[in-house]
N, C-alpha and C. Protein backbone atom coordinates (compact mmCIF):
# COMPACT_ATOMS: atom_id res chain seq x y z
N UNK A 1 45.22 -38.15 59.40
CA UNK A 1 43.96 -38.73 60.02
C UNK A 1 43.20 -39.43 58.63
N UNK A 2 42.48 -40.39 59.28
CA UNK A 2 41.61 -41.02 58.31
C UNK A 2 40.40 -40.83 58.60
N UNK A 3 39.27 -40.55 57.65
CA UNK A 3 38.11 -39.78 57.90
C UNK A 3 37.00 -40.78 56.87
N UNK A 4 36.90 -41.84 57.20
CA UNK A 4 35.92 -42.29 56.44
C UNK A 4 35.06 -41.91 55.19
N UNK A 5 34.63 -41.17 55.87
CA UNK A 5 33.40 -40.22 54.76
C UNK A 5 34.14 -39.86 53.38
N UNK A 6 35.45 -39.48 53.77
CA UNK A 6 36.26 -38.61 52.56
C UNK A 6 37.11 -39.78 52.02
N UNK A 7 37.02 -41.32 52.37
CA UNK A 7 37.87 -41.73 51.72
C UNK A 7 37.38 -41.76 50.02
N UNK A 8 36.49 -42.13 49.70
CA UNK A 8 36.31 -42.31 48.08
C UNK A 8 36.60 -40.87 47.74
N UNK A 9 36.50 -39.57 47.97
CA UNK A 9 36.55 -38.22 47.47
C UNK A 9 38.38 -38.35 46.97
N UNK A 10 39.30 -38.62 48.18
CA UNK A 10 40.61 -38.39 47.92
C UNK A 10 41.22 -39.81 47.44
N UNK A 11 40.47 -40.68 47.51
CA UNK A 11 41.01 -42.11 47.13
C UNK A 11 41.93 -42.86 48.29
N UNK A 12 41.83 -42.50 49.66
CA UNK A 12 42.59 -43.03 50.40
C UNK A 12 42.25 -44.14 51.10
N UNK A 13 43.52 -45.05 51.62
CA UNK A 13 42.78 -46.32 52.39
C UNK A 13 43.60 -46.37 53.69
N UNK A 14 43.12 -47.33 54.90
CA UNK A 14 43.75 -47.07 55.79
C UNK A 14 45.16 -48.10 55.11
N UNK A 15 46.36 -47.95 56.06
CA UNK A 15 47.46 -48.53 55.84
C UNK A 15 47.77 -49.78 57.20
N UNK A 16 48.28 -50.73 56.87
CA UNK A 16 48.68 -51.85 57.88
C UNK A 16 49.80 -51.19 58.82
N UNK A 17 49.99 -51.70 59.83
CA UNK A 17 50.95 -51.71 61.11
C UNK A 17 52.21 -51.76 60.53
N UNK A 18 52.23 -52.83 59.62
CA UNK A 18 53.44 -52.75 58.60
C UNK A 18 54.08 -51.60 58.03
N UNK A 19 53.19 -51.14 57.26
CA UNK A 19 53.43 -50.30 56.58
C UNK A 19 53.42 -48.52 57.16
N UNK A 20 53.04 -48.58 58.32
CA UNK A 20 53.43 -47.57 59.35
C UNK A 20 54.71 -47.92 59.94
N UNK A 21 55.42 -48.88 60.05
CA UNK A 21 56.96 -49.10 60.75
C UNK A 21 57.60 -48.76 59.40
N UNK A 22 57.15 -48.91 58.08
CA UNK A 22 57.85 -48.79 56.99
C UNK A 22 58.40 -47.18 56.66
N UNK A 23 57.22 -46.72 56.88
CA UNK A 23 57.32 -45.01 56.59
C UNK A 23 57.84 -44.56 57.73
N UNK A 24 57.44 -45.13 59.12
CA UNK A 24 58.75 -44.25 60.29
C UNK A 24 59.96 -44.85 59.82
N UNK A 25 60.18 -46.20 59.41
CA UNK A 25 61.56 -46.11 59.32
C UNK A 25 62.63 -45.30 58.29
N UNK A 26 61.53 -45.42 57.37
CA UNK A 26 62.20 -44.85 56.01
C UNK A 26 62.46 -43.17 56.16
N UNK A 27 61.16 -42.52 57.38
CA UNK A 27 61.63 -41.15 57.71
C UNK A 27 62.75 -40.79 58.45
N UNK A 28 62.99 -41.68 59.58
CA UNK A 28 63.90 -41.73 60.35
C UNK A 28 65.30 -41.62 59.69
N UNK A 29 65.37 -41.90 58.61
CA UNK A 29 66.75 -42.02 58.02
C UNK A 29 66.96 -40.78 57.17
N UNK A 30 65.85 -40.05 57.23
CA UNK A 30 66.74 -38.67 56.45
C UNK A 30 67.30 -37.75 57.63
N UNK A 31 67.46 -37.69 58.62
CA UNK A 31 68.38 -37.09 59.45
C UNK A 31 69.76 -37.20 59.34
N UNK A 32 69.90 -38.78 59.82
CA UNK A 32 71.41 -39.06 59.49
C UNK A 32 72.11 -38.88 58.11
N UNK A 33 71.03 -39.02 57.28
CA UNK A 33 71.53 -38.91 55.95
C UNK A 33 72.00 -37.47 55.56
N UNK A 34 71.44 -36.55 55.71
CA UNK A 34 71.72 -34.94 55.75
C UNK A 34 72.82 -34.75 56.60
N UNK A 35 72.66 -35.35 57.79
CA UNK A 35 74.12 -34.70 58.78
C UNK A 35 75.11 -35.60 58.07
N UNK A 36 75.26 -36.81 57.62
CA UNK A 36 76.30 -37.32 56.76
C UNK A 36 76.70 -36.61 55.52
N UNK A 37 75.61 -35.81 54.87
CA UNK A 37 76.15 -35.09 53.79
C UNK A 37 76.72 -33.63 54.40
N UNK A 38 76.42 -33.48 55.27
CA UNK A 38 76.81 -31.90 55.75
C UNK A 38 78.07 -32.18 56.44
N UNK A 39 78.43 -33.34 57.17
CA UNK A 39 79.80 -33.46 57.04
C UNK A 39 80.73 -33.70 56.34
N UNK A 40 80.21 -34.20 55.04
CA UNK A 40 81.44 -34.35 54.14
C UNK A 40 81.53 -32.72 53.41
N UNK A 41 80.34 -32.18 53.21
CA UNK A 41 80.74 -30.99 52.96
C UNK A 41 81.26 -30.04 53.89
N UNK A 42 81.58 -30.34 55.00
CA UNK A 42 82.54 -29.55 55.71
C UNK A 42 83.98 -29.99 55.47
N UNK A 43 84.11 -31.23 55.35
CA UNK A 43 85.31 -31.60 55.54
C UNK A 43 86.04 -31.24 53.78
N UNK A 44 84.91 -31.29 52.95
CA UNK A 44 85.41 -30.68 51.37
C UNK A 44 85.94 -28.82 51.56
N UNK A 45 85.46 -28.59 52.31
CA UNK A 45 85.41 -27.11 52.25
C UNK A 45 86.48 -26.83 53.21
N UNK A 46 86.88 -27.43 54.18
CA UNK A 46 87.98 -27.63 54.98
C UNK A 46 89.06 -27.85 54.25
N UNK A 47 89.47 -28.49 53.57
CA UNK A 47 90.60 -29.20 52.52
C UNK A 47 90.49 -28.00 51.77
N UNK A 48 89.60 -27.17 51.32
CA UNK A 48 90.16 -26.33 50.18
C UNK A 48 90.48 -24.80 51.44
N UNK A 49 90.25 -24.76 52.98
CA UNK A 49 90.87 -24.14 53.28
C UNK A 49 89.67 -22.54 53.62
N UNK A 50 88.70 -23.33 53.16
CA UNK A 50 87.10 -22.43 53.72
C UNK A 50 87.23 -22.13 54.77
N UNK A 51 86.31 -20.95 55.45
CA UNK A 51 85.92 -20.63 56.52
C UNK A 51 84.90 -21.75 57.07
N UNK A 52 84.96 -22.10 58.54
CA UNK A 52 84.19 -22.97 58.79
C UNK A 52 82.94 -22.65 59.78
N UNK A 53 82.77 -21.28 59.63
CA UNK A 53 81.71 -20.50 60.74
C UNK A 53 80.02 -21.08 60.09
N UNK A 54 79.45 -19.87 60.85
CA UNK A 54 77.71 -20.83 60.48
C UNK A 54 77.67 -20.22 58.80
N UNK A 55 76.53 -20.95 58.67
CA UNK A 55 75.93 -20.31 57.27
C UNK A 55 75.25 -19.01 57.48
N UNK A 56 75.43 -18.42 56.32
CA UNK A 56 74.91 -17.22 56.20
C UNK A 56 73.39 -17.15 56.26
N UNK A 57 72.70 -16.56 56.87
CA UNK A 57 71.05 -16.60 56.92
C UNK A 57 70.65 -15.99 55.71
N UNK A 58 69.37 -16.83 55.20
CA UNK A 58 68.61 -16.43 53.96
C UNK A 58 67.47 -15.68 54.44
N UNK A 59 67.22 -14.66 53.59
CA UNK A 59 66.20 -13.91 53.71
C UNK A 59 65.34 -14.24 52.76
N UNK A 60 63.79 -14.56 52.58
CA UNK A 60 63.36 -14.46 51.81
C UNK A 60 62.33 -13.35 51.23
């Protein structure tokens, strides 16, 4: 959200619609990239004979 009164404080500026499309396009590439990486990992683990069940949950 752009708040004009806070622009000098945070040194922000409005971006053009072309810049928004670039941001949306690049951010949309993250999901396919992660899915491709996961597919390669699954293939690598299958070649080793590792079980392909769900990943163990991690507790923080």
